Amino acid sequence: MQPGEEYDLGTAYYGAYLVRNSDSGAAALIMVGAGVSSNILLSDGNSISTDFTAGGKIILNKKTSNGNVYVKNGRSTEAYINVMQITNY
């Protein structure tokens, strides 16, 4: 993804999402609920966030309650991001 680019995953399912940034080696397990208050359960650093205002990070969260899940490259460089939906309800 290009710097500042945002992508709609096309799903509003809640559950666990594994987010990986292959060029930096960062990974996080994020729990996404119906609202916009997702929680990072496990992370190997501080380069992945759930806050769309966080700069310099990869972000995964919903923008609105019951809305779709988005991923954003908040970094200033291109990022290779993989997202795996582990559960879906």
PDB file of N, CA and C in Angstrom:
ATOM      1  N   MET A   1       0.841  -1.176   0.000  1.00  0.00           N
ATOM      2  CA  MET A   1       0.000   0.000   0.000  1.00  0.00           C
ATOM      3  C   MET A   1       0.884   1.236   0.000  1.00  0.00           C
ATOM      4  N   GLN A   2       0.429   2.246  -0.693  1.00  0.00           N
ATOM      5  CA  GLN A   2       1.156   3.507  -0.753  1.00  0.00           C
ATOM      6  C   GLN A   2       0.972   4.283   0.558  1.00  0.00           C
ATOM      7  N   PRO A   3       1.863   5.218   0.873  1.00  0.00           N
ATOM      8  CA  PRO A   3       1.711   6.025   2.085  1.00  0.00           C
ATOM      9  C   PRO A   3       0.351   6.724   2.112  1.00  0.00           C
ATOM     10  N   GLY A   4      -0.354   6.621   3.226  1.00  0.00           N
ATOM     11  CA  GLY A   4      -1.655   7.247   3.387  1.00  0.00           C
ATOM     12  C   GLY A   4      -2.805   6.499   2.740  1.00  0.00           C
ATOM     13  N   GLU A   5      -2.508   5.443   1.986  1.00  0.00           N
ATOM     14  CA  GLU A   5      -3.567   4.692   1.306  1.00  0.00           C
ATOM     15  C   GLU A   5      -4.404   3.909   2.311  1.00  0.00           C
ATOM     16  N   GLU A   6      -5.694   3.831   2.015  1.00  0.00           N
ATOM     17  CA  GLU A   6      -6.647   3.159   2.880  1.00  0.00           C
ATOM     18  C   GLU A   6      -7.440   2.169   2.036  1.00  0.00           C
ATOM     19  N   TYR A   7      -7.775   1.016   2.624  1.00  0.00           N
ATOM     20  CA  TYR A   7      -8.481  -0.016   1.874  1.00  0.00           C
ATOM     21  C   TYR A   7      -9.637  -0.558   2.706  1.00  0.00           C
ATOM     22  N   ASP A   8     -10.809  -0.613   2.102  1.00  0.00           N
ATOM     23  CA  ASP A   8     -11.995  -1.194   2.719  1.00  0.00           C
ATOM     24  C   ASP A   8     -11.937  -2.701   2.498  1.00  0.00           C
ATOM     25  N   LEU A   9     -11.882  -3.479   3.578  1.00  0.00           N
ATOM     26  CA  LEU A   9     -11.801  -4.931   3.448  1.00  0.00           C
ATOM     27  C   LEU A   9     -13.104  -5.550   2.948  1.00  0.00           C
ATOM     28  N   GLY A  10     -14.174  -4.774   2.898  1.00  0.00           N
ATOM     29  CA  GLY A  10     -15.433  -5.275   2.354  1.00  0.00           C
ATOM     30  C   GLY A  10     -16.175  -6.219   3.280  1.00  0.00           C
ATOM     31  N   THR A  11     -15.850  -6.170   4.559  1.00  0.00           N
ATOM     32  CA  THR A  11     -16.532  -7.021   5.523  1.00  0.00           C
ATOM     33  C   THR A  11     -16.775  -6.244   6.809  1.00  0.00           C
ATOM     34  N   ALA A  12     -17.903  -6.512   7.450  1.00  0.00           N
ATOM     35  CA  ALA A  12     -18.214  -5.912   8.740  1.00  0.00           C
ATOM     36  C   ALA A  12     -18.154  -6.963   9.847  1.00  0.00           C
ATOM     37  N   TYR A  13     -17.679  -8.166   9.509  1.00  0.00           N
ATOM     38  CA  TYR A  13     -17.613  -9.245  10.500  1.00  0.00           C
ATOM     39  C   TYR A  13     -16.724  -8.863  11.671  1.00  0.00           C
ATOM     40  N   TYR A  14     -17.117  -9.321  12.849  1.00  0.00           N
ATOM     41  CA  TYR A  14     -16.281  -9.101  14.018  1.00  0.00           C
ATOM     42  C   TYR A  14     -15.593 -10.397  14.389  1.00  0.00           C
ATOM     43  N   GLY A  15     -14.486 -10.265  15.080  1.00  0.00           N
ATOM     44  CA  GLY A  15     -13.674 -11.409  15.462  1.00  0.00           C
ATOM     45  C   GLY A  15     -12.218 -11.022  15.463  1.00  0.00           C
ATOM     46  N   ALA A  16     -11.350 -11.987  15.255  1.00  0.00           N
ATOM     47  CA  ALA A  16      -9.908 -11.765  15.311  1.00  0.00           C
ATOM     48  C   ALA A  16      -9.345 -11.536  13.906  1.00  0.00           C
ATOM     49  N   TYR A  17      -8.438 -10.593  13.806  1.00  0.00           N
ATOM     50  CA  TYR A  17      -7.740 -10.300  12.554  1.00  0.00           C
ATOM     51  C   TYR A  17      -6.241 -10.297  12.831  1.00  0.00           C
ATOM     52  N   LEU A  18      -5.495 -11.009  12.012  1.00  0.00           N
ATOM     53  CA  LEU A  18      -4.038 -10.991  12.093  1.00  0.00           C
ATOM     54  C   LEU A  18      -3.545 -10.006  11.052  1.00  0.00           C
ATOM     55  N   VAL A  19      -2.792  -9.008  11.482  1.00  0.00           N
ATOM     56  CA  VAL A  19      -2.246  -7.990  10.590  1.00  0.00           C
ATOM     57  C   VAL A  19      -0.734  -8.148  10.565  1.00  0.00           C
ATOM     58  N   ARG A  20      -0.185  -8.256   9.350  1.00  0.00           N
ATOM     59  CA  ARG A  20       1.269  -8.407   9.203  1.00  0.00           C
ATOM     60  C   ARG A  20       1.792  -7.360   8.226  1.00  0.00           C
ATOM     61  N   ASN A  21       2.914  -6.789   8.581  1.00  0.00           N
ATOM     62  CA  ASN A  21       3.619  -5.864   7.704  1.00  0.00           C
ATOM     63  C   ASN A  21       4.922  -6.556   7.340  1.00  0.00           C
ATOM     64  N   SER A  22       4.955  -7.173   6.173  1.00  0.00           N
ATOM     65  CA  SER A  22       6.066  -8.058   5.835  1.00  0.00           C
ATOM     66  C   SER A  22       7.393  -7.336   5.647  1.00  0.00           C
ATOM     67  N   ASP A  23       7.387  -6.066   5.251  1.00  0.00           N
ATOM     68  CA  ASP A  23       8.670  -5.391   5.058  1.00  0.00           C
ATOM     69  C   ASP A  23       9.316  -4.971   6.369  1.00  0.00           C
ATOM     70  N   SER A  24       8.527  -4.780   7.446  1.00  0.00           N
ATOM     71  CA  SER A  24       9.114  -4.413   8.735  1.00  0.00           C
ATOM     72  C   SER A  24       9.121  -5.575   9.719  1.00  0.00           C
ATOM     73  N   GLY A  25       8.402  -6.654   9.390  1.00  0.00           N
ATOM     74  CA  GLY A  25       8.345  -7.805  10.285  1.00  0.00           C
ATOM     75  C   GLY A  25       7.369  -7.636  11.435  1.00  0.00           C
ATOM     76  N   ALA A  26       6.547  -6.596  11.410  1.00  0.00           N
ATOM     77  CA  ALA A  26       5.582  -6.358  12.489  1.00  0.00           C
ATOM     78  C   ALA A  26       4.348  -7.216  12.300  1.00  0.00           C
ATOM     79  N   ALA A  27       3.755  -7.622  13.416  1.00  0.00           N
ATOM     80  CA  ALA A  27       2.524  -8.404  13.389  1.00  0.00           C
ATOM     81  C   ALA A  27       1.701  -8.088  14.633  1.00  0.00           C
ATOM     82  N   ALA A  28       0.379  -8.180  14.493  1.00  0.00           N
ATOM     83  CA  ALA A  28      -0.504  -7.947  15.640  1.00  0.00           C
ATOM     84  C   ALA A  28      -1.777  -8.760  15.462  1.00  0.00           C
ATOM     85  N   LEU A  29      -2.345  -9.181  16.576  1.00  0.00           N
ATOM     86  CA  LEU A  29      -3.645  -9.846  16.601  1.00  0.00           C
ATOM     87  C   LEU A  29      -4.634  -8.846  17.180  1.00  0.00           C
ATOM     88  N   ILE A  30      -5.643  -8.485  16.388  1.00  0.00           N
ATOM     89  CA  ILE A  30      -6.583  -7.443  16.778  1.00  0.00           C
ATOM     90  C   ILE A  30      -7.991  -8.020  16.857  1.00  0.00           C
ATOM     91  N   MET A  31      -8.681  -7.752  17.964  1.00  0.00           N
ATOM     92  CA  MET A  31     -10.077  -8.147  18.122  1.00  0.00           C
ATOM     93  C   MET A  31     -10.950  -6.998  17.656  1.00  0.00           C
ATOM     94  N   VAL A  32     -11.841  -7.283  16.714  1.00  0.00           N
ATOM     95  CA  VAL A  32     -12.738  -6.273  16.165  1.00  0.00           C
ATOM     96  C   VAL A  32     -14.162  -6.651  16.554  1.00  0.00           C
ATOM     97  N   GLY A  33     -14.859  -5.712  17.192  1.00  0.00           N
ATOM     98  CA  GLY A  33     -16.243  -5.931  17.570  1.00  0.00           C
ATOM     99  C   GLY A  33     -17.173  -5.177  16.640  1.00  0.00           C
ATOM    100  N   ALA A  34     -18.404  -4.987  17.075  1.00  0.00           N
ATOM    101  CA  ALA A  34     -19.376  -4.266  16.263  1.00  0.00           C
ATOM    102  C   ALA A  34     -19.091  -2.773  16.233  1.00  0.00           C
ATOM    103  N   GLY A  35     -18.463  -2.258  17.306  1.00  0.00           N
ATOM    104  CA  GLY A  35     -18.174  -0.826  17.388  1.00  0.00           C
ATOM    105  C   GLY A  35     -16.818  -0.471  16.820  1.00  0.00           C
ATOM    106  N   VAL A  36     -16.369   0.732  17.141  1.00  0.00           N
ATOM    107  CA  VAL A  36     -15.080   1.218  16.625  1.00  0.00           C
ATOM    108  C   VAL A  36     -13.976   1.122  17.675  1.00  0.00           C
ATOM    109  N   SER A  37     -14.196   0.360  18.715  1.00  0.00           N
ATOM    110  CA  SER A  37     -13.217   0.258  19.802  1.00  0.00           C
ATOM    111  C   SER A  37     -12.484  -1.077  19.763  1.00  0.00           C
ATOM    112  N   SER A  38     -11.785  -1.332  18.669  1.00  0.00           N
ATOM    113  CA  SER A  38     -11.021  -2.574  18.537  1.00  0.00           C
ATOM    114  C   SER A  38      -9.857  -2.581  19.514  1.00  0.00           C
ATOM    115  N   ASN A  39      -9.418  -3.775  19.883  1.00  0.00           N
ATOM    116  CA  ASN A  39      -8.328  -3.918  20.830  1.00  0.00           C
ATOM    117  C   ASN A  39      -7.204  -4.758  20.244  1.00  0.00           C
ATOM    118  N   ILE A  40      -5.971  -4.328  20.458  1.00  0.00           N
ATOM    119  CA  ILE A  40      -4.823  -5.129  20.062  1.00  0.00           C
ATOM    120  C   ILE A  40      -4.561  -6.125  21.181  1.00  0.00           C
ATOM    121  N   LEU A  41      -4.667  -7.408  20.856  1.00  0.00           N
ATOM    122  CA  LEU A  41      -4.426  -8.439  21.864  1.00  0.00           C
ATOM    123  C   LEU A  41      -2.943  -8.758  21.979  1.00  0.00           C
ATOM    124  N   LEU A  42      -2.306  -8.954  20.857  1.00  0.00           N
ATOM    125  CA  LEU A  42      -0.887  -9.304  20.824  1.00  0.00           C
ATOM    126  C   LEU A  42      -0.208  -8.469  19.753  1.00  0.00           C
ATOM    127  N   SER A  43       0.976  -7.972  20.066  1.00  0.00           N
ATOM    128  CA  SER A  43       1.731  -7.207  19.088  1.00  0.00           C
ATOM    129  C   SER A  43       3.205  -7.343  19.403  1.00  0.00           C
ATOM    130  N   ASP A  44       4.038  -7.349  18.366  1.00  0.00           N
ATOM    131  CA  ASP A  44       5.478  -7.467  18.588  1.00  0.00           C
ATOM    132  C   ASP A  44       6.162  -6.108  18.597  1.00  0.00           C
ATOM    133  N   GLY A  45       5.416  -5.067  18.671  1.00  0.00           N
ATOM    134  CA  GLY A  45       6.001  -3.729  18.688  1.00  0.00           C
ATOM    135  C   GLY A  45       4.915  -2.687  18.668  1.00  0.00           C
ATOM    136  N   ASN A  46       5.286  -1.467  18.331  1.00  0.00           N
ATOM    137  CA  ASN A  46       4.286  -0.402  18.328  1.00  0.00           C
ATOM    138  C   ASN A  46       4.111   0.201  16.937  1.00  0.00           C
ATOM    139  N   SER A  47       4.190  -0.628  15.902  1.00  0.00           N
ATOM    140  CA  SER A  47       4.035  -0.127  14.539  1.00  0.00           C
ATOM    141  C   SER A  47       2.661  -0.431  13.951  1.00  0.00           C
ATOM    142  N   ILE A  48       1.778  -1.067  14.734  1.00  0.00           N
ATOM    143  CA  ILE A  48       0.415  -1.367  14.287  1.00  0.00           C
ATOM    144  C   ILE A  48      -0.545  -0.812  15.324  1.00  0.00           C
ATOM    145  N   SER A  49      -1.627  -0.170  14.849  1.00  0.00           N
ATOM    146  CA  SER A  49      -2.548   0.518  15.747  1.00  0.00           C
ATOM    147  C   SER A  49      -3.990   0.283  15.305  1.00  0.00           C
ATOM    148  N   THR A  50      -4.925   0.684  16.163  1.00  0.00           N
ATOM    149  CA  THR A  50      -6.345   0.689  15.820  1.00  0.00           C
ATOM    150  C   THR A  50      -6.883   2.116  15.755  1.00  0.00           C
ATOM    151  N   ASP A  51      -6.002   3.096  15.898  1.00  0.00           N
ATOM    152  CA  ASP A  51      -6.368   4.511  15.930  1.00  0.00           C
ATOM    153  C   ASP A  51      -6.039   5.171  14.592  1.00  0.00           C
ATOM    154  N   PHE A  52      -7.069   5.586  13.849  1.00  0.00           N
ATOM    155  CA  PHE A  52      -6.865   6.178  12.530  1.00  0.00           C
ATOM    156  C   PHE A  52      -6.115   7.503  12.572  1.00  0.00           C
ATOM    157  N   THR A  53      -5.952   8.111  13.744  1.00  0.00           N
ATOM    158  CA  THR A  53      -5.197   9.356  13.844  1.00  0.00           C
ATOM    159  C   THR A  53      -3.723   9.103  14.160  1.00  0.00           C
ATOM    160  N   ALA A  54      -3.360   7.849  14.393  1.00  0.00           N
ATOM    161  CA  ALA A  54      -1.965   7.519  14.718  1.00  0.00           C
ATOM    162  C   ALA A  54      -1.089   7.676  13.478  1.00  0.00           C
ATOM    163  N   GLY A  55      -0.029   8.393  13.604  1.00  0.00           N
ATOM    164  CA  GLY A  55       0.878   8.582  12.485  1.00  0.00           C
ATOM    165  C   GLY A  55       1.994   7.549  12.502  1.00  0.00           C
ATOM    166  N   GLY A  56       2.477   7.193  11.328  1.00  0.00           N
ATOM    167  CA  GLY A  56       3.614   6.290  11.227  1.00  0.00           C
ATOM    168  C   GLY A  56       3.304   4.837  11.506  1.00  0.00           C
ATOM    169  N   LYS A  57       2.030   4.456  11.495  1.00  0.00           N
ATOM    170  CA  LYS A  57       1.656   3.086  11.837  1.00  0.00           C
ATOM    171  C   LYS A  57       0.719   2.484  10.794  1.00  0.00           C
ATOM    172  N   ILE A  58       0.609   1.176  10.826  1.00  0.00           N
ATOM    173  CA  ILE A  58      -0.406   0.458  10.071  1.00  0.00           C
ATOM    174  C   ILE A  58      -1.643   0.415  10.963  1.00  0.00           C
ATOM    175  N   ILE A  59      -2.802   0.730  10.413  1.00  0.00           N
ATOM    176  CA  ILE A  59      -4.014   0.836  11.216  1.00  0.00           C
ATOM    177  C   ILE A  59      -5.078  -0.118  10.686  1.00  0.00           C
ATOM    178  N   LEU A  60      -5.760  -0.829  11.604  1.00  0.00           N
ATOM    179  CA  LEU A  60      -6.895  -1.673  11.250  1.00  0.00           C
ATOM    180  C   LEU A  60      -8.001  -1.413  12.257  1.00  0.00           C
ATOM    181  N   ASN A  61      -9.185  -1.062  11.755  1.00  0.00           N
ATOM    182  CA  ASN A  61     -10.334  -0.810  12.628  1.00  0.00           C
ATOM    183  C   ASN A  61     -11.558  -0.527  11.771  1.00  0.00           C
ATOM    184  N   LYS A  62     -12.680  -0.344  12.449  1.00  0.00           N
ATOM    185  CA  LYS A  62     -13.902   0.128  11.802  1.00  0.00           C
ATOM    186  C   LYS A  62     -13.967   1.641  11.985  1.00  0.00           C
ATOM    187  N   LYS A  63     -14.606   2.314  11.046  1.00  0.00           N
ATOM    188  CA  LYS A  63     -14.784   3.764  11.156  1.00  0.00           C
ATOM    189  C   LYS A  63     -16.111   4.119  11.803  1.00  0.00           C
ATOM    190  N   THR A  64     -17.097   3.235  11.652  1.00  0.00           N
ATOM    191  CA  THR A  64     -18.420   3.445  12.240  1.00  0.00           C
ATOM    192  C   THR A  64     -18.899   2.134  12.848  1.00  0.00           C
ATOM    193  N   SER A  65     -19.759   2.230  13.837  1.00  0.00           N
ATOM    194  CA  SER A  65     -20.330   1.028  14.438  1.00  0.00           C
ATOM    195  C   SER A  65     -21.065   0.224  13.377  1.00  0.00           C
ATOM    196  N   ASN A  66     -20.837  -1.071  13.370  1.00  0.00           N
ATOM    197  CA  ASN A  66     -21.415  -2.019  12.417  1.00  0.00           C
ATOM    198  C   ASN A  66     -20.974  -1.759  10.978  1.00  0.00           C
ATOM    199  N   GLY A  67     -19.958  -0.914  10.783  1.00  0.00           N
ATOM    200  CA  GLY A  67     -19.447  -0.629   9.445  1.00  0.00           C
ATOM    201  C   GLY A  67     -18.370  -1.622   9.045  1.00  0.00           C
ATOM    202  N   ASN A  68     -17.848  -1.433   7.857  1.00  0.00           N
ATOM    203  CA  ASN A  68     -16.798  -2.310   7.344  1.00  0.00           C
ATOM    204  C   ASN A  68     -15.470  -2.075   8.054  1.00  0.00           C
ATOM    205  N   VAL A  69     -14.595  -3.062   7.970  1.00  0.00           N
ATOM    206  CA  VAL A  69     -13.253  -2.987   8.530  1.00  0.00           C
ATOM    207  C   VAL A  69     -12.331  -2.379   7.471  1.00  0.00           C
ATOM    208  N   TYR A  70     -11.473  -1.465   7.908  1.00  0.00           N
ATOM    209  CA  TYR A  70     -10.519  -0.803   7.025  1.00  0.00           C
ATOM    210  C   TYR A  70      -9.096  -1.054   7.493  1.00  0.00           C
ATOM    211  N   VAL A  71      -8.181  -1.060   6.543  1.00  0.00           N
ATOM    212  CA  VAL A  71      -6.757  -1.075   6.857  1.00  0.00           C
ATOM    213  C   VAL A  71      -6.144   0.142   6.175  1.00  0.00           C
ATOM    214  N   LYS A  72      -5.206   0.793   6.854  1.00  0.00           N
ATOM    215  CA  LYS A  72      -4.583   2.009   6.332  1.00  0.00           C
ATOM    216  C   LYS A  72      -3.082   1.968   6.558  1.00  0.00           C
ATOM    217  N   ASN A  73      -2.348   2.423   5.566  1.00  0.00           N
ATOM    218  CA  ASN A  73      -0.905   2.600   5.712  1.00  0.00           C
ATOM    219  C   ASN A  73      -0.665   4.027   6.173  1.00  0.00           C
ATOM    220  N   GLY A  74      -0.441   4.210   7.455  1.00  0.00           N
ATOM    221  CA  GLY A  74      -0.176   5.527   8.014  1.00  0.00           C
ATOM    222  C   GLY A  74       1.299   5.886   8.000  1.00  0.00           C
ATOM    223  N   ARG A  75       2.102   5.034   7.404  1.00  0.00           N
ATOM    224  CA  ARG A  75       3.547   5.284   7.333  1.00  0.00           C
ATOM    225  C   ARG A  75       3.868   6.227   6.182  1.00  0.00           C
ATOM    226  N   SER A  76       5.082   6.711   6.164  1.00  0.00           N
ATOM    227  CA  SER A  76       5.506   7.620   5.098  1.00  0.00           C
ATOM    228  C   SER A  76       6.140   6.873   3.931  1.00  0.00           C
ATOM    229  N   THR A  77       6.206   5.544   4.030  1.00  0.00           N
ATOM    230  CA  THR A  77       6.773   4.721   2.961  1.00  0.00           C
ATOM    231  C   THR A  77       5.777   3.637   2.565  1.00  0.00           C
ATOM    232  N   GLU A  78       5.980   3.055   1.400  1.00  0.00           N
ATOM    233  CA  GLU A  78       5.139   1.961   0.940  1.00  0.00           C
ATOM    234  C   GLU A  78       5.224   0.794   1.923  1.00  0.00           C
ATOM    235  N   ALA A  79       4.110   0.090   2.117  1.00  0.00           N
ATOM    236  CA  ALA A  79       4.078  -1.030   3.058  1.00  0.00           C
ATOM    237  C   ALA A  79       3.383  -2.227   2.417  1.00  0.00           C
ATOM    238  N   TYR A  80       3.918  -3.398   2.666  1.00  0.00           N
ATOM    239  CA  TYR A  80       3.314  -4.652   2.204  1.00  0.00           C
ATOM    240  C   TYR A  80       2.551  -5.239   3.379  1.00  0.00           C
ATOM    241  N   ILE A  81       1.229  -5.142   3.319  1.00  0.00           N
ATOM    242  CA  ILE A  81       0.372  -5.495   4.448  1.00  0.00           C
ATOM    243  C   ILE A  81      -0.486  -6.704   4.099  1.00  0.00           C
ATOM    244  N   ASN A  82      -0.517  -7.658   5.018  1.00  0.00           N
ATOM    245  CA  ASN A  82      -1.376  -8.830   4.884  1.00  0.00           C
ATOM    246  C   ASN A  82      -2.361  -8.827   6.040  1.00  0.00           C
ATOM    247  N   VAL A  83      -3.638  -9.093   5.745  1.00  0.00           N
ATOM    248  CA  VAL A  83      -4.666  -9.180   6.786  1.00  0.00           C
ATOM    249  C   VAL A  83      -5.356 -10.524   6.646  1.00  0.00           C
ATOM    250  N   MET A  84      -5.434 -11.259   7.753  1.00  0.00           N
ATOM    251  CA  MET A  84      -6.122 -12.551   7.759  1.00  0.00           C
ATOM    252  C   MET A  84      -7.263 -12.470   8.766  1.00  0.00           C
ATOM    253  N   GLN A  85      -8.461 -12.722   8.288  1.00  0.00           N
ATOM    254  CA  GLN A  85      -9.622 -12.787   9.162  1.00  0.00           C
ATOM    255  C   GLN A  85      -9.676 -14.192   9.732  1.00  0.00           C
ATOM    256  N   ILE A  86      -9.533 -14.307  11.034  1.00  0.00           N
ATOM    257  CA  ILE A  86      -9.454 -15.616  11.666  1.00  0.00           C
ATOM    258  C   ILE A  86     -10.835 -16.161  11.997  1.00  0.00           C
ATOM    259  N   THR A  87     -11.721 -15.311  12.444  1.00  0.00           N
ATOM    260  CA  THR A  87     -13.085 -15.753  12.751  1.00  0.00           C
ATOM    261  C   THR A  87     -14.066 -14.815  12.069  1.00  0.00           C
ATOM    262  N   ASN A  88     -15.259 -15.312  11.802  1.00  0.00           N
ATOM    263  CA  ASN A  88     -16.298 -14.449  11.263  1.00  0.00           C
ATOM    264  C   ASN A  88     -17.645 -14.883  11.793  1.00  0.00           C
ATOM    265  N   TYR A  89     -18.451 -13.905  12.173  1.00  0.00           N
ATOM    266  CA  TYR A  89     -19.773 -14.183  12.729  1.00  0.00           C
ATOM    267  C   TYR A  89     -20.815 -13.428  11.950  1.00  0.00           C
TER     268      TYR A  89
END
